[in-house]
């Protein structure tokens, strides 16, 4: 009786139609259908071999990261970084700051020296513009996930790219 969909930030997904059928009755719910318009990214082919030009190879560096998670726990956490543009998942060190400004919520921070420099499999800014990075905040002792977010690399590239 419903259709759920999700997409990465800054991607194109539009529901064009939604409906149900009245002539199929197998339970108290009617089967539903929908059509979507979905933006597709093409396979990236670099114009020249990485590192063959004068421009430096791209990497992803973090100045700092601050998160607020809903939890009563006070355990130390780390961040896992997942992306198709990385050879494998990367992991930060433990959070360097922690406070509880609002009851039931924990604010944690990581400084640059506790965050990994991410080296994409294809260090090209044009390629990275179509990529996303999933950040997962996990407890050091339990590996329990306290929260996740997905960042569109396109929004991080541009005036901040060096």
C-alpha atoms as a PDB file:
ATOM      1  CA  UNK A   1       0.000   0.000   0.000  1.00  0.00           C
ATOM      2  CA  UNK A   2       3.041   2.272  -0.242  1.00  0.00           C
ATOM      3  CA  UNK A   3       6.248   2.751  -2.160  1.00  0.00           C
ATOM      4  CA  UNK A   4       9.426   3.867  -0.443  1.00  0.00           C
ATOM      5  CA  UNK A   5      12.409   5.205  -2.324  1.00  0.00           C
ATOM      6  CA  UNK A   6      15.639   6.863  -1.413  1.00  0.00           C
ATOM      7  CA  UNK A   7      18.387   8.531  -3.321  1.00  0.00           C
ATOM      8  CA  UNK A   8      21.768  10.032  -2.664  1.00  0.00           C
ATOM      9  CA  UNK A   9      22.002  13.790  -2.076  1.00  0.00           C
ATOM     10  CA  UNK A  10      22.177  15.922  -5.218  1.00  0.00           C
ATOM     11  CA  UNK A  11      20.884  13.146  -7.478  1.00  0.00           C
ATOM     12  CA  UNK A  12      17.839  13.267  -9.721  1.00  0.00           C
ATOM     13  CA  UNK A  13      14.824  11.076  -8.795  1.00  0.00           C
ATOM     14  CA  UNK A  14      11.245  12.181  -9.551  1.00  0.00           C
ATOM     15  CA  UNK A  15       8.082  10.134  -8.994  1.00  0.00           C
ATOM     16  CA  UNK A  16       5.991  10.667 -12.149  1.00  0.00           C
ATOM     17  CA  UNK A  17       3.014   8.489 -11.290  1.00  0.00           C
ATOM     18  CA  UNK A  18       1.610   6.467  -8.431  1.00  0.00           C
ATOM     19  CA  UNK A  19      -1.463   4.265  -8.331  1.00  0.00           C
ATOM     20  CA  UNK A  20      -3.074   1.070  -7.146  1.00  0.00           C
ATOM     21  CA  UNK A  21      -5.070  -1.727  -8.676  1.00  0.00           C
ATOM     22  CA  UNK A  22      -8.560  -2.528  -7.458  1.00  0.00           C
ATOM     23  CA  UNK A  23      -8.983  -5.875  -9.194  1.00  0.00           C
ATOM     24  CA  UNK A  24      -6.323  -7.829  -7.250  1.00  0.00           C
ATOM     25  CA  UNK A  25      -7.440  -8.730  -3.745  1.00  0.00           C
ATOM     26  CA  UNK A  26      -5.072 -10.992  -1.822  1.00  0.00           C
ATOM     27  CA  UNK A  27      -5.204  -9.190   1.523  1.00  0.00           C
ATOM     28  CA  UNK A  28      -6.614  -6.012   2.996  1.00  0.00           C
ATOM     29  CA  UNK A  29      -4.020  -4.048   0.983  1.00  0.00           C
ATOM     30  CA  UNK A  30      -4.130  -3.188  -2.712  1.00  0.00           C
ATOM     31  CA  UNK A  31      -0.962  -3.614  -4.789  1.00  0.00           C
ATOM     32  CA  UNK A  32       0.578  -0.271  -5.746  1.00  0.00           C
ATOM     33  CA  UNK A  33       2.804   0.853  -8.610  1.00  0.00           C
ATOM     34  CA  UNK A  34       4.858   3.904  -9.475  1.00  0.00           C
ATOM     35  CA  UNK A  35       7.012   5.233 -12.279  1.00  0.00           C
ATOM     36  CA  UNK A  36      10.134   7.276 -11.696  1.00  0.00           C
ATOM     37  CA  UNK A  37      12.420   9.521 -13.694  1.00  0.00           C
ATOM     38  CA  UNK A  38      15.955   8.674 -12.605  1.00  0.00           C
ATOM     39  CA  UNK A  39      19.117  10.528 -13.535  1.00  0.00           C
ATOM     40  CA  UNK A  40      21.864   8.131 -14.547  1.00  0.00           C
ATOM     41  CA  UNK A  41      25.552   8.882 -14.289  1.00  0.00           C
ATOM     42  CA  UNK A  42      27.659   7.546 -17.103  1.00  0.00           C
ATOM     43  CA  UNK A  43      30.809   5.512 -16.696  1.00  0.00           C
ATOM     44  CA  UNK A  44      33.646   7.986 -16.076  1.00  0.00           C
ATOM     45  CA  UNK A  45      36.530   7.854 -18.535  1.00  0.00           C
ATOM     46  CA  UNK A  46      39.428  10.188 -17.720  1.00  0.00           C
ATOM     47  CA  UNK A  47      40.618  12.439 -20.527  1.00  0.00           C
ATOM     48  CA  UNK A  48      44.211  11.547 -19.683  1.00  0.00           C
ATOM     49  CA  UNK A  49      45.978   9.177 -17.327  1.00  0.00           C
ATOM     50  CA  UNK A  50      45.916  10.278 -13.650  1.00  0.00           C
ATOM     51  CA  UNK A  51      49.133  12.030 -12.710  1.00  0.00           C
ATOM     52  CA  UNK A  52      50.168  12.661 -16.331  1.00  0.00           C
ATOM     53  CA  UNK A  53      49.331  16.375 -16.206  1.00  0.00           C
ATOM     54  CA  UNK A  54      50.724  19.266 -14.149  1.00  0.00           C
ATOM     55  CA  UNK A  55      47.674  19.401 -11.849  1.00  0.00           C
ATOM     56  CA  UNK A  56      48.075  17.564  -8.516  1.00  0.00           C
ATOM     57  CA  UNK A  57      46.185  14.347  -7.827  1.00  0.00           C
ATOM     58  CA  UNK A  58      43.016  14.830  -5.788  1.00  0.00           C
ATOM     59  CA  UNK A  59      42.588  13.532  -2.259  1.00  0.00           C
ATOM     60  CA  UNK A  60      39.948  14.131   0.399  1.00  0.00           C
ATOM     61  CA  UNK A  61      41.088  15.835   3.605  1.00  0.00           C
ATOM     62  CA  UNK A  62      38.913  16.859   6.550  1.00  0.00           C
ATOM     63  CA  UNK A  63      39.628  19.934   8.697  1.00  0.00           C
ATOM     64  CA  UNK A  64      37.315  18.639  11.418  1.00  0.00           C
ATOM     65  CA  UNK A  65      34.038  16.786  11.842  1.00  0.00           C
ATOM     66  CA  UNK A  66      31.369  17.415  14.472  1.00  0.00           C
ATOM     67  CA  UNK A  67      28.302  15.223  14.979  1.00  0.00           C
ATOM     68  CA  UNK A  68      25.325  15.199  17.325  1.00  0.00           C
ATOM     69  CA  UNK A  69      23.739  11.806  17.957  1.00  0.00           C
ATOM     70  CA  UNK A  70      20.680  10.866  19.971  1.00  0.00           C
ATOM     71  CA  UNK A  71      22.028   8.601  22.716  1.00  0.00           C
ATOM     72  CA  UNK A  72      22.465   8.414  26.465  1.00  0.00           C
ATOM     73  CA  UNK A  73      25.806   6.644  25.961  1.00  0.00           C
ATOM     74  CA  UNK A  74      29.088   8.414  26.690  1.00  0.00           C
ATOM     75  CA  UNK A  75      31.370   5.900  24.985  1.00  0.00           C
ATOM     76  CA  UNK A  76      34.109   6.917  22.581  1.00  0.00           C
ATOM     77  CA  UNK A  77      33.328   6.648  18.872  1.00  0.00           C
ATOM     78  CA  UNK A  78      35.019   6.504  15.502  1.00  0.00           C
ATOM     79  CA  UNK A  79      33.807   7.280  11.973  1.00  0.00           C
ATOM     80  CA  UNK A  80      33.829   4.810   9.088  1.00  0.00           C
ATOM     81  CA  UNK A  81      34.052   6.252   5.572  1.00  0.00           C
ATOM     82  CA  UNK A  82      32.476   4.191   2.758  1.00  0.00           C
ATOM     83  CA  UNK A  83      32.382   5.058  -0.939  1.00  0.00           C
ATOM     84  CA  UNK A  84      32.639   3.427  -4.351  1.00  0.00           C
ATOM     85  CA  UNK A  85      35.483   5.855  -5.032  1.00  0.00           C
ATOM     86  CA  UNK A  86      37.585   4.309  -2.234  1.00  0.00           C
ATOM     87  CA  UNK A  87      39.392   0.991  -2.536  1.00  0.00           C
ATOM     88  CA  UNK A  88      38.137   0.003   0.922  1.00  0.00           C
ATOM     89  CA  UNK A  89      36.386   1.530   3.914  1.00  0.00           C
ATOM     90  CA  UNK A  90      38.539   3.881   5.996  1.00  0.00           C
ATOM     91  CA  UNK A  91      38.313   4.564   9.710  1.00  0.00           C
ATOM     92  CA  UNK A  92      39.042   7.609  11.872  1.00  0.00           C
ATOM     93  CA  UNK A  93      40.641   7.635  15.275  1.00  0.00           C
ATOM     94  CA  UNK A  94      38.551   8.116  18.423  1.00  0.00           C
ATOM     95  CA  UNK A  95      36.628  11.361  18.854  1.00  0.00           C
ATOM     96  CA  UNK A  96      38.740  14.107  20.430  1.00  0.00           C
ATOM     97  CA  UNK A  97      35.927  16.072  22.073  1.00  0.00           C
ATOM     98  CA  UNK A  98      32.625  15.147  23.656  1.00  0.00           C
ATOM     99  CA  UNK A  99      29.852  17.098  25.404  1.00  0.00           C
ATOM    100  CA  UNK A 100      26.225  16.730  26.394  1.00  0.00           C
ATOM    101  CA  UNK A 101      24.616  20.162  25.884  1.00  0.00           C
ATOM    102  CA  UNK A 102      21.100  18.722  25.477  1.00  0.00           C
ATOM    103  CA  UNK A 103      19.951  15.765  27.622  1.00  0.00           C
ATOM    104  CA  UNK A 104      19.724  12.587  25.531  1.00  0.00           C
ATOM    105  CA  UNK A 105      22.075  13.906  22.827  1.00  0.00           C
ATOM    106  CA  UNK A 106      25.850  13.572  22.555  1.00  0.00           C
ATOM    107  CA  UNK A 107      28.034  16.047  20.626  1.00  0.00           C
ATOM    108  CA  UNK A 108      31.338  14.618  19.421  1.00  0.00           C
ATOM    109  CA  UNK A 109      34.184  16.113  17.462  1.00  0.00           C
ATOM    110  CA  UNK A 110      37.239  14.926  15.556  1.00  0.00           C
ATOM    111  CA  UNK A 111      40.240  17.087  14.699  1.00  0.00           C
ATOM    112  CA  UNK A 112      42.111  16.795  11.397  1.00  0.00           C
ATOM    113  CA  UNK A 113      44.904  14.680  12.867  1.00  0.00           C
ATOM    114  CA  UNK A 114      42.367  12.025  13.948  1.00  0.00           C
ATOM    115  CA  UNK A 115      40.703  11.879  10.513  1.00  0.00           C
ATOM    116  CA  UNK A 116      42.115   9.879   7.595  1.00  0.00           C
ATOM    117  CA  UNK A 117      43.166  11.428   4.305  1.00  0.00           C
ATOM    118  CA  UNK A 118      41.042   9.574   1.758  1.00  0.00           C
ATOM    119  CA  UNK A 119      42.783   8.637  -1.484  1.00  0.00           C
ATOM    120  CA  UNK A 120      40.220   7.858  -4.186  1.00  0.00           C
ATOM    121  CA  UNK A 121      40.853   5.068  -6.679  1.00  0.00           C
ATOM    122  CA  UNK A 122      40.633   7.686  -9.437  1.00  0.00           C
ATOM    123  CA  UNK A 123      42.032  11.003  -8.132  1.00  0.00           C
ATOM    124  CA  UNK A 124      40.224  13.220 -10.643  1.00  0.00           C
ATOM    125  CA  UNK A 125      37.979  16.137  -9.566  1.00  0.00           C
ATOM    126  CA  UNK A 126      35.504  15.532 -12.406  1.00  0.00           C
ATOM    127  CA  UNK A 127      35.104  11.889 -11.314  1.00  0.00           C
ATOM    128  CA  UNK A 128      34.828  12.811  -7.631  1.00  0.00           C
ATOM    129  CA  UNK A 129      32.035  15.278  -8.419  1.00  0.00           C
ATOM    130  CA  UNK A 130      29.699  12.333  -9.116  1.00  0.00           C
ATOM    131  CA  UNK A 131      30.650  10.398  -5.979  1.00  0.00           C
ATOM    132  CA  UNK A 132      29.133  10.156  -2.496  1.00  0.00           C
ATOM    133  CA  UNK A 133      30.692   9.282   0.849  1.00  0.00           C
ATOM    134  CA  UNK A 134      28.764   7.506   3.594  1.00  0.00           C
ATOM    135  CA  UNK A 135      29.926   8.386   7.104  1.00  0.00           C
ATOM    136  CA  UNK A 136      28.941   5.996   9.894  1.00  0.00           C
ATOM    137  CA  UNK A 137      29.515   6.934  13.558  1.00  0.00           C
ATOM    138  CA  UNK A 138      30.258   3.775  15.561  1.00  0.00           C
ATOM    139  CA  UNK A 139      31.096   2.977  19.168  1.00  0.00           C
ATOM    140  CA  UNK A 140      34.706   1.947  19.795  1.00  0.00           C
ATOM    141  CA  UNK A 141      33.800  -0.858  22.212  1.00  0.00           C
ATOM    142  CA  UNK A 142      30.578  -2.151  20.654  1.00  0.00           C
ATOM    143  CA  UNK A 143      30.908  -1.174  16.956  1.00  0.00           C
ATOM    144  CA  UNK A 144      27.226  -0.179  17.297  1.00  0.00           C
ATOM    145  CA  UNK A 145      26.174   2.410  14.736  1.00  0.00           C
ATOM    146  CA  UNK A 146      24.943   5.640  16.343  1.00  0.00           C
ATOM    147  CA  UNK A 147      24.125   7.356  13.060  1.00  0.00           C
ATOM    148  CA  UNK A 148      24.982   7.771   9.405  1.00  0.00           C
ATOM    149  CA  UNK A 149      24.975  10.486   6.788  1.00  0.00           C
ATOM    150  CA  UNK A 150      25.716  10.632   3.079  1.00  0.00           C
ATOM    151  CA  UNK A 151      27.706  13.523   1.617  1.00  0.00           C
ATOM    152  CA  UNK A 152      27.594  14.451  -2.067  1.00  0.00           C
ATOM    153  CA  UNK A 153      31.153  15.183  -3.164  1.00  0.00           C
ATOM    154  CA  UNK A 154      29.867  17.681  -5.752  1.00  0.00           C
ATOM    155  CA  UNK A 155      28.869  20.028  -2.927  1.00  0.00           C
ATOM    156  CA  UNK A 156      32.326  19.704  -1.360  1.00  0.00           C
ATOM    157  CA  UNK A 157      34.306  20.436  -4.541  1.00  0.00           C
ATOM    158  CA  UNK A 158      34.727  23.865  -6.050  1.00  0.00           C
ATOM    159  CA  UNK A 159      35.846  26.877  -4.091  1.00  0.00           C
ATOM    160  CA  UNK A 160      37.254  24.576  -1.405  1.00  0.00           C
ATOM    161  CA  UNK A 161      39.225  22.401  -3.850  1.00  0.00           C
ATOM    162  CA  UNK A 162      42.953  23.035  -3.660  1.00  0.00           C
END
